[in-house]
Structures are given as structure tokens and as C-alpha cells.
Amino acid sequence: LSGFEDFVQLLIEGLQAAGVEYLIGGAIA
């Protein structure tokens, strides 16, 4: 990963691939 943004993208890709719906909260929201 080149940075935190890459990690967030990777995590979202994993959730979507597993069919898991999400929402982001905290500082990013």
C-alpha cells in the first residue's frame, strides 16, 4: 500500500466482494 487511502479502498473492495454492505463514519464521513 502506498498510503491510508489505498487501505480504505482495499477494505471496501473486500467488503463488496463478500457481498457485505457498509457505510463509512468517523473522520472520513
ModelCIF file with pLDDT and N, C-alpha, C, O atoms, coordinates in Angstrom:
data_MODEL
#
_entry.id   MODEL 
#
_entity.id                         1 
_entity.type                       polymer 
_entity.pdbx_number_of_molecules   1 
#
_entity_poly.entity_id                      1 
_entity_poly.type                           'polypeptide(L)' 
_entity_poly.nstd_linkage                   no 
_entity_poly.nstd_monomer                   no 
_entity_poly.pdbx_seq_one_letter_code       LSGFEDFVQLLIEGLQAAGVEYLIGGAIA 
_entity_poly.pdbx_seq_one_letter_code_can   LSGFEDFVQLLIEGLQAAGVEYLIGGAIA 
_entity_poly.pdbx_strand_id                 A 
#
loop_
_entity_poly_seq.entity_id 
_entity_poly_seq.num 
_entity_poly_seq.mon_id 
_entity_poly_seq.hetero 
1 1  LEU n 
1 2  SER n 
1 3  GLY n 
1 4  PHE n 
1 5  GLU n 
1 6  ASP n 
1 7  PHE n 
1 8  VAL n 
1 9  GLN n 
1 10 LEU n 
1 11 LEU n 
1 12 ILE n 
1 13 GLU n 
1 14 GLY n 
1 15 LEU n 
1 16 GLN n 
1 17 ALA n 
1 18 ALA n 
1 19 GLY n 
1 20 VAL n 
1 21 GLU n 
1 22 TYR n 
1 23 LEU n 
1 24 ILE n 
1 25 GLY n 
1 26 GLY n 
1 27 ALA n 
1 28 ILE n 
1 29 ALA n 
#
_struct_asym.id          A 
_struct_asym.entity_id   1 
#
loop_
_ma_qa_metric.id 
_ma_qa_metric.mode 
_ma_qa_metric.name 
_ma_qa_metric.software_group_id 
_ma_qa_metric.type 
1 global pLDDT . pLDDT 
2 local  pLDDT . pLDDT 
#
_ma_qa_metric_global.metric_id      1 
_ma_qa_metric_global.metric_value   93.31 
_ma_qa_metric_global.model_id       1 
_ma_qa_metric_global.ordinal_id     1 
#
loop_
_ma_qa_metric_local.label_asym_id 
_ma_qa_metric_local.label_comp_id 
_ma_qa_metric_local.label_seq_id 
_ma_qa_metric_local.metric_id 
_ma_qa_metric_local.metric_value 
_ma_qa_metric_local.model_id 
_ma_qa_metric_local.ordinal_id 
A LEU 1  2 75.00 1 1  
A SER 2  2 79.00 1 2  
A GLY 3  2 87.00 1 3  
A PHE 4  2 88.00 1 4  
A GLU 5  2 89.00 1 5  
A ASP 6  2 91.00 1 6  
A PHE 7  2 93.00 1 7  
A VAL 8  2 93.00 1 8  
A GLN 9  2 93.00 1 9  
A LEU 10 2 94.00 1 10 
A LEU 11 2 96.00 1 11 
A ILE 12 2 96.00 1 12 
A GLU 13 2 95.00 1 13 
A GLY 14 2 97.00 1 14 
A LEU 15 2 98.00 1 15 
A GLN 16 2 97.00 1 16 
A ALA 17 2 98.00 1 17 
A ALA 18 2 98.00 1 18 
A GLY 19 2 97.00 1 19 
A VAL 20 2 98.00 1 20 
A GLU 21 2 98.00 1 21 
A TYR 22 2 98.00 1 22 
A LEU 23 2 98.00 1 23 
A ILE 24 2 97.00 1 24 
A GLY 25 2 96.00 1 25 
A GLY 26 2 91.00 1 26 
A ALA 27 2 90.00 1 27 
A ILE 28 2 92.00 1 28 
A ALA 29 2 94.00 1 29 
#
loop_
_atom_site.group_PDB 
_atom_site.id 
_atom_site.type_symbol 
_atom_site.label_atom_id 
_atom_site.label_alt_id 
_atom_site.label_comp_id 
_atom_site.label_asym_id 
_atom_site.label_entity_id 
_atom_site.label_seq_id 
_atom_site.pdbx_PDB_ins_code 
_atom_site.Cartn_x 
_atom_site.Cartn_y 
_atom_site.Cartn_z 
_atom_site.occupancy 
_atom_site.B_iso_or_equiv 
_atom_site.pdbx_formal_charge 
_atom_site.auth_seq_id 
_atom_site.auth_comp_id 
_atom_site.auth_asym_id 
_atom_site.auth_atom_id 
_atom_site.pdbx_PDB_model_num 
ATOM 1   N N  . LEU A 1 1  ? 0.844   -1.190  0.000  1.00 75.00 ? 1  LEU A N  1 
ATOM 2   C CA . LEU A 1 1  ? 0.000   0.000   0.000  1.00 75.00 ? 1  LEU A CA 1 
ATOM 3   C C  . LEU A 1 1  ? 0.880   1.241   0.000  1.00 75.00 ? 1  LEU A C  1 
ATOM 4   O O  . LEU A 1 1  ? 1.920   1.277   0.657  1.00 75.00 ? 1  LEU A O  1 
ATOM 5   N N  . SER A 1 2  ? 0.452   2.258   -0.744 1.00 79.00 ? 2  SER A N  1 
ATOM 6   C CA . SER A 1 2  ? 1.229   3.499   -0.744 1.00 79.00 ? 2  SER A CA 1 
ATOM 7   C C  . SER A 1 2  ? 0.728   4.472   0.327  1.00 79.00 ? 2  SER A C  1 
ATOM 8   O O  . SER A 1 2  ? 1.392   5.468   0.612  1.00 79.00 ? 2  SER A O  1 
ATOM 9   N N  . GLY A 1 3  ? -0.428  4.195   0.918  1.00 87.00 ? 3  GLY A N  1 
ATOM 10  C CA . GLY A 1 3  ? -0.934  5.077   1.961  1.00 87.00 ? 3  GLY A CA 1 
ATOM 11  C C  . GLY A 1 3  ? -2.269  4.619   2.503  1.00 87.00 ? 3  GLY A C  1 
ATOM 12  O O  . GLY A 1 3  ? -2.810  3.587   2.106  1.00 87.00 ? 3  GLY A O  1 
ATOM 13  N N  . PHE A 1 4  ? -2.789  5.423   3.430  1.00 88.00 ? 4  PHE A N  1 
ATOM 14  C CA . PHE A 1 4  ? -4.041  5.107   4.106  1.00 88.00 ? 4  PHE A CA 1 
ATOM 15  C C  . PHE A 1 4  ? -5.211  4.978   3.128  1.00 88.00 ? 4  PHE A C  1 
ATOM 16  O O  . PHE A 1 4  ? -6.071  4.114   3.299  1.00 88.00 ? 4  PHE A O  1 
ATOM 17  N N  . GLU A 1 5  ? -5.242  5.829   2.110  1.00 89.00 ? 5  GLU A N  1 
ATOM 18  C CA . GLU A 1 5  ? -6.332  5.794   1.132  1.00 89.00 ? 5  GLU A CA 1 
ATOM 19  C C  . GLU A 1 5  ? -6.386  4.440   0.427  1.00 89.00 ? 5  GLU A C  1 
ATOM 20  O O  . GLU A 1 5  ? -7.468  3.916   0.159  1.00 89.00 ? 5  GLU A O  1 
ATOM 21  N N  . ASP A 1 6  ? -5.205  3.874   0.127  1.00 91.00 ? 6  ASP A N  1 
ATOM 22  C CA . ASP A 1 6  ? -5.153  2.551   -0.509 1.00 91.00 ? 6  ASP A CA 1 
ATOM 23  C C  . ASP A 1 6  ? -5.769  1.487   0.401  1.00 91.00 ? 6  ASP A C  1 
ATOM 24  O O  . ASP A 1 6  ? -6.465  0.583   -0.062 1.00 91.00 ? 6  ASP A O  1 
ATOM 25  N N  . PHE A 1 7  ? -5.499  1.612   1.705  1.00 93.00 ? 7  PHE A N  1 
ATOM 26  C CA . PHE A 1 7  ? -6.057  0.661   2.661  1.00 93.00 ? 7  PHE A CA 1 
ATOM 27  C C  . PHE A 1 7  ? -7.584  0.720   2.669  1.00 93.00 ? 7  PHE A C  1 
ATOM 28  O O  . PHE A 1 7  ? -8.252  -0.315  2.655  1.00 93.00 ? 7  PHE A O  1 
ATOM 29  N N  . VAL A 1 8  ? -8.129  1.932   2.691  1.00 93.00 ? 8  VAL A N  1 
ATOM 30  C CA . VAL A 1 8  ? -9.586  2.093   2.697  1.00 93.00 ? 8  VAL A CA 1 
ATOM 31  C C  . VAL A 1 8  ? -10.182 1.478   1.426  1.00 93.00 ? 8  VAL A C  1 
ATOM 32  O O  . VAL A 1 8  ? -11.187 0.770   1.488  1.00 93.00 ? 8  VAL A O  1 
ATOM 33  N N  . GLN A 1 9  ? -9.566  1.746   0.289  1.00 93.00 ? 9  GLN A N  1 
ATOM 34  C CA . GLN A 1 9  ? -10.055 1.160   -0.969 1.00 93.00 ? 9  GLN A CA 1 
ATOM 35  C C  . GLN A 1 9  ? -10.008 -0.355  -0.930 1.00 93.00 ? 9  GLN A C  1 
ATOM 36  O O  . GLN A 1 9  ? -10.952 -1.026  -1.346 1.00 93.00 ? 9  GLN A O  1 
ATOM 37  N N  . LEU A 1 10 ? -8.898  -0.893  -0.424 1.00 94.00 ? 10 LEU A N  1 
ATOM 38  C CA . LEU A 1 10 ? -8.726  -2.348  -0.344 1.00 94.00 ? 10 LEU A CA 1 
ATOM 39  C C  . LEU A 1 10 ? -9.808  -2.967  0.539  1.00 94.00 ? 10 LEU A C  1 
ATOM 40  O O  . LEU A 1 10 ? -10.369 -4.011  0.205  1.00 94.00 ? 10 LEU A O  1 
ATOM 41  N N  . LEU A 1 11 ? -10.091 -2.328  1.650  1.00 96.00 ? 11 LEU A N  1 
ATOM 42  C CA . LEU A 1 11 ? -11.112 -2.807  2.578  1.00 96.00 ? 11 LEU A CA 1 
ATOM 43  C C  . LEU A 1 11 ? -12.495 -2.788  1.928  1.00 96.00 ? 11 LEU A C  1 
ATOM 44  O O  . LEU A 1 11 ? -13.249 -3.755  2.038  1.00 96.00 ? 11 LEU A O  1 
ATOM 45  N N  . ILE A 1 12 ? -12.822 -1.698  1.258  1.00 96.00 ? 12 ILE A N  1 
ATOM 46  C CA . ILE A 1 12 ? -14.120 -1.607  0.581  1.00 96.00 ? 12 ILE A CA 1 
ATOM 47  C C  . ILE A 1 12 ? -14.242 -2.685  -0.495 1.00 96.00 ? 12 ILE A C  1 
ATOM 48  O O  . ILE A 1 12 ? -15.296 -3.305  -0.635 1.00 96.00 ? 12 ILE A O  1 
ATOM 49  N N  . GLU A 1 13 ? -13.176 -2.908  -1.249 1.00 95.00 ? 13 GLU A N  1 
ATOM 50  C CA . GLU A 1 13 ? -13.191 -3.964  -2.276 1.00 95.00 ? 13 GLU A CA 1 
ATOM 51  C C  . GLU A 1 13 ? -13.467 -5.330  -1.647 1.00 95.00 ? 13 GLU A C  1 
ATOM 52  O O  . GLU A 1 13 ? -14.226 -6.129  -2.196 1.00 95.00 ? 13 GLU A O  1 
ATOM 53  N N  . GLY A 1 14 ? -12.850 -5.593  -0.497 1.00 97.00 ? 14 GLY A N  1 
ATOM 54  C CA . GLY A 1 14 ? -13.075 -6.866  0.192  1.00 97.00 ? 14 GLY A CA 1 
ATOM 55  C C  . GLY A 1 14 ? -14.512 -7.021  0.659  1.00 97.00 ? 14 GLY A C  1 
ATOM 56  O O  . GLY A 1 14 ? -15.105 -8.090  0.512  1.00 97.00 ? 14 GLY A O  1 
ATOM 57  N N  . LEU A 1 15 ? -15.073 -5.950  1.223  1.00 98.00 ? 15 LEU A N  1 
ATOM 58  C CA . LEU A 1 15 ? -16.472 -5.991  1.669  1.00 98.00 ? 15 LEU A CA 1 
ATOM 59  C C  . LEU A 1 15 ? -17.404 -6.229  0.483  1.00 98.00 ? 15 LEU A C  1 
ATOM 60  O O  . LEU A 1 15 ? -18.307 -7.062  0.556  1.00 98.00 ? 15 LEU A O  1 
ATOM 61  N N  . GLN A 1 16 ? -17.183 -5.501  -0.601 1.00 97.00 ? 16 GLN A N  1 
ATOM 62  C CA . GLN A 1 16 ? -18.043 -5.649  -1.778 1.00 97.00 ? 16 GLN A CA 1 
ATOM 63  C C  . GLN A 1 16 ? -17.928 -7.038  -2.380 1.00 97.00 ? 16 GLN A C  1 
ATOM 64  O O  . GLN A 1 16 ? -18.931 -7.617  -2.797 1.00 97.00 ? 16 GLN A O  1 
ATOM 65  N N  . ALA A 1 17 ? -16.713 -7.581  -2.432 1.00 98.00 ? 17 ALA A N  1 
ATOM 66  C CA . ALA A 1 17 ? -16.511 -8.924  -2.986 1.00 98.00 ? 17 ALA A CA 1 
ATOM 67  C C  . ALA A 1 17 ? -17.227 -9.983  -2.153 1.00 98.00 ? 17 ALA A C  1 
ATOM 68  O O  . ALA A 1 17 ? -17.644 -11.017 -2.675 1.00 98.00 ? 17 ALA A O  1 
ATOM 69  N N  . ALA A 1 18 ? -17.368 -9.716  -0.851 1.00 98.00 ? 18 ALA A N  1 
ATOM 70  C CA . ALA A 1 18 ? -18.052 -10.661 0.043  1.00 98.00 ? 18 ALA A CA 1 
ATOM 71  C C  . ALA A 1 18 ? -19.553 -10.413 0.108  1.00 98.00 ? 18 ALA A C  1 
ATOM 72  O O  . ALA A 1 18 ? -20.268 -11.156 0.781  1.00 98.00 ? 18 ALA A O  1 
ATOM 73  N N  . GLY A 1 19 ? -20.047 -9.377  -0.582 1.00 97.00 ? 19 GLY A N  1 
ATOM 74  C CA . GLY A 1 19 ? -21.474 -9.064  -0.540 1.00 97.00 ? 19 GLY A CA 1 
ATOM 75  C C  . GLY A 1 19 ? -21.909 -8.419  0.759  1.00 97.00 ? 19 GLY A C  1 
ATOM 76  O O  . GLY A 1 19 ? -23.050 -8.589  1.189  1.00 97.00 ? 19 GLY A O  1 
ATOM 77  N N  . VAL A 1 20 ? -21.001 -7.676  1.392  1.00 98.00 ? 20 VAL A N  1 
ATOM 78  C CA . VAL A 1 20 ? -21.291 -7.026  2.677  1.00 98.00 ? 20 VAL A CA 1 
ATOM 79  C C  . VAL A 1 20 ? -21.516 -5.535  2.438  1.00 98.00 ? 20 VAL A C  1 
ATOM 80  O O  . VAL A 1 20 ? -20.641 -4.846  1.913  1.00 98.00 ? 20 VAL A O  1 
ATOM 81  N N  . GLU A 1 21 ? -22.693 -5.041  2.825  1.00 98.00 ? 21 GLU A N  1 
ATOM 82  C CA . GLU A 1 21 ? -22.992 -3.616  2.708  1.00 98.00 ? 21 GLU A CA 1 
ATOM 83  C C  . GLU A 1 21 ? -22.321 -2.871  3.860  1.00 98.00 ? 21 GLU A C  1 
ATOM 84  O O  . GLU A 1 21 ? -22.129 -3.423  4.943  1.00 98.00 ? 21 GLU A O  1 
ATOM 85  N N  . TYR A 1 22 ? -21.968 -1.608  3.609  1.00 98.00 ? 22 TYR A N  1 
ATOM 86  C CA . TYR A 1 22 ? -21.206 -0.838  4.584  1.00 98.00 ? 22 TYR A CA 1 
ATOM 87  C C  . TYR A 1 22 ? -21.620 0.629   4.541  1.00 98.00 ? 22 TYR A C  1 
ATOM 88  O O  . TYR A 1 22 ? -22.307 1.081   3.625  1.00 98.00 ? 22 TYR A O  1 
ATOM 89  N N  . LEU A 1 23 ? -21.182 1.346   5.551  1.00 98.00 ? 23 LEU A N  1 
ATOM 90  C CA . LEU A 1 23 ? -21.128 2.802   5.490  1.00 98.00 ? 23 LEU A CA 1 
ATOM 91  C C  . LEU A 1 23 ? -19.902 3.230   6.271  1.00 98.00 ? 23 LEU A C  1 
ATOM 92  O O  . LEU A 1 23 ? -19.523 2.596   7.256  1.00 98.00 ? 23 LEU A O  1 
ATOM 93  N N  . ILE A 1 24 ? -19.287 4.311   5.820  1.00 97.00 ? 24 ILE A N  1 
ATOM 94  C CA . ILE A 1 24 ? -18.104 4.861   6.485  1.00 97.00 ? 24 ILE A CA 1 
ATOM 95  C C  . ILE A 1 24 ? -18.558 5.977   7.421  1.00 97.00 ? 24 ILE A C  1 
ATOM 96  O O  . ILE A 1 24 ? -19.377 6.819   7.055  1.00 97.00 ? 24 ILE A O  1 
ATOM 97  N N  . GLY A 1 25 ? -18.016 5.966   8.620  1.00 96.00 ? 25 GLY A N  1 
ATOM 98  C CA . GLY A 1 25 ? -18.308 7.018   9.583  1.00 96.00 ? 25 GLY A CA 1 
ATOM 99  C C  . GLY A 1 25 ? -17.045 7.772   9.948  1.00 96.00 ? 25 GLY A C  1 
ATOM 100 O O  . GLY A 1 25 ? -16.104 7.842   9.158  1.00 96.00 ? 25 GLY A O  1 
ATOM 101 N N  . GLY A 1 26 ? -17.025 8.330   11.138 1.00 91.00 ? 26 GLY A N  1 
ATOM 102 C CA . GLY A 1 26 ? -15.833 8.965   11.673 1.00 91.00 ? 26 GLY A CA 1 
ATOM 103 C C  . GLY A 1 26 ? -15.324 10.134  10.845 1.00 91.00 ? 26 GLY A C  1 
ATOM 104 O O  . GLY A 1 26 ? -16.084 10.841  10.184 1.00 91.00 ? 26 GLY A O  1 
ATOM 105 N N  . ALA A 1 27 ? -14.004 10.311  10.906 1.00 90.00 ? 27 ALA A N  1 
ATOM 106 C CA . ALA A 1 27 ? -13.367 11.464  10.270 1.00 90.00 ? 27 ALA A CA 1 
ATOM 107 C C  . ALA A 1 27 ? -13.571 11.484  8.767  1.00 90.00 ? 27 ALA A C  1 
ATOM 108 O O  . ALA A 1 27 ? -13.707 12.555  8.176  1.00 90.00 ? 27 ALA A O  1 
ATOM 109 N N  . ILE A 1 28 ? -13.594 10.310  8.137  1.00 92.00 ? 28 ILE A N  1 
ATOM 110 C CA . ILE A 1 28 ? -13.754 10.283  6.671  1.00 92.00 ? 28 ILE A CA 1 
ATOM 111 C C  . ILE A 1 28 ? -15.132 10.817  6.283  1.00 92.00 ? 28 ILE A C  1 
ATOM 112 O O  . ILE A 1 28 ? -15.244 11.601  5.341  1.00 92.00 ? 28 ILE A O  1 
ATOM 113 N N  . ALA A 1 29 ? -16.170 10.407  6.990  1.00 94.00 ? 29 ALA A N  1 
ATOM 114 C CA . ALA A 1 29 ? -17.506 10.942  6.698  1.00 94.00 ? 29 ALA A CA 1 
ATOM 115 C C  . ALA A 1 29 ? -17.554 12.442  6.970  1.00 94.00 ? 29 ALA A C  1 
ATOM 116 O O  . ALA A 1 29 ? -18.596 13.071  6.783  1.00 94.00 ? 29 ALA A O  1 
#
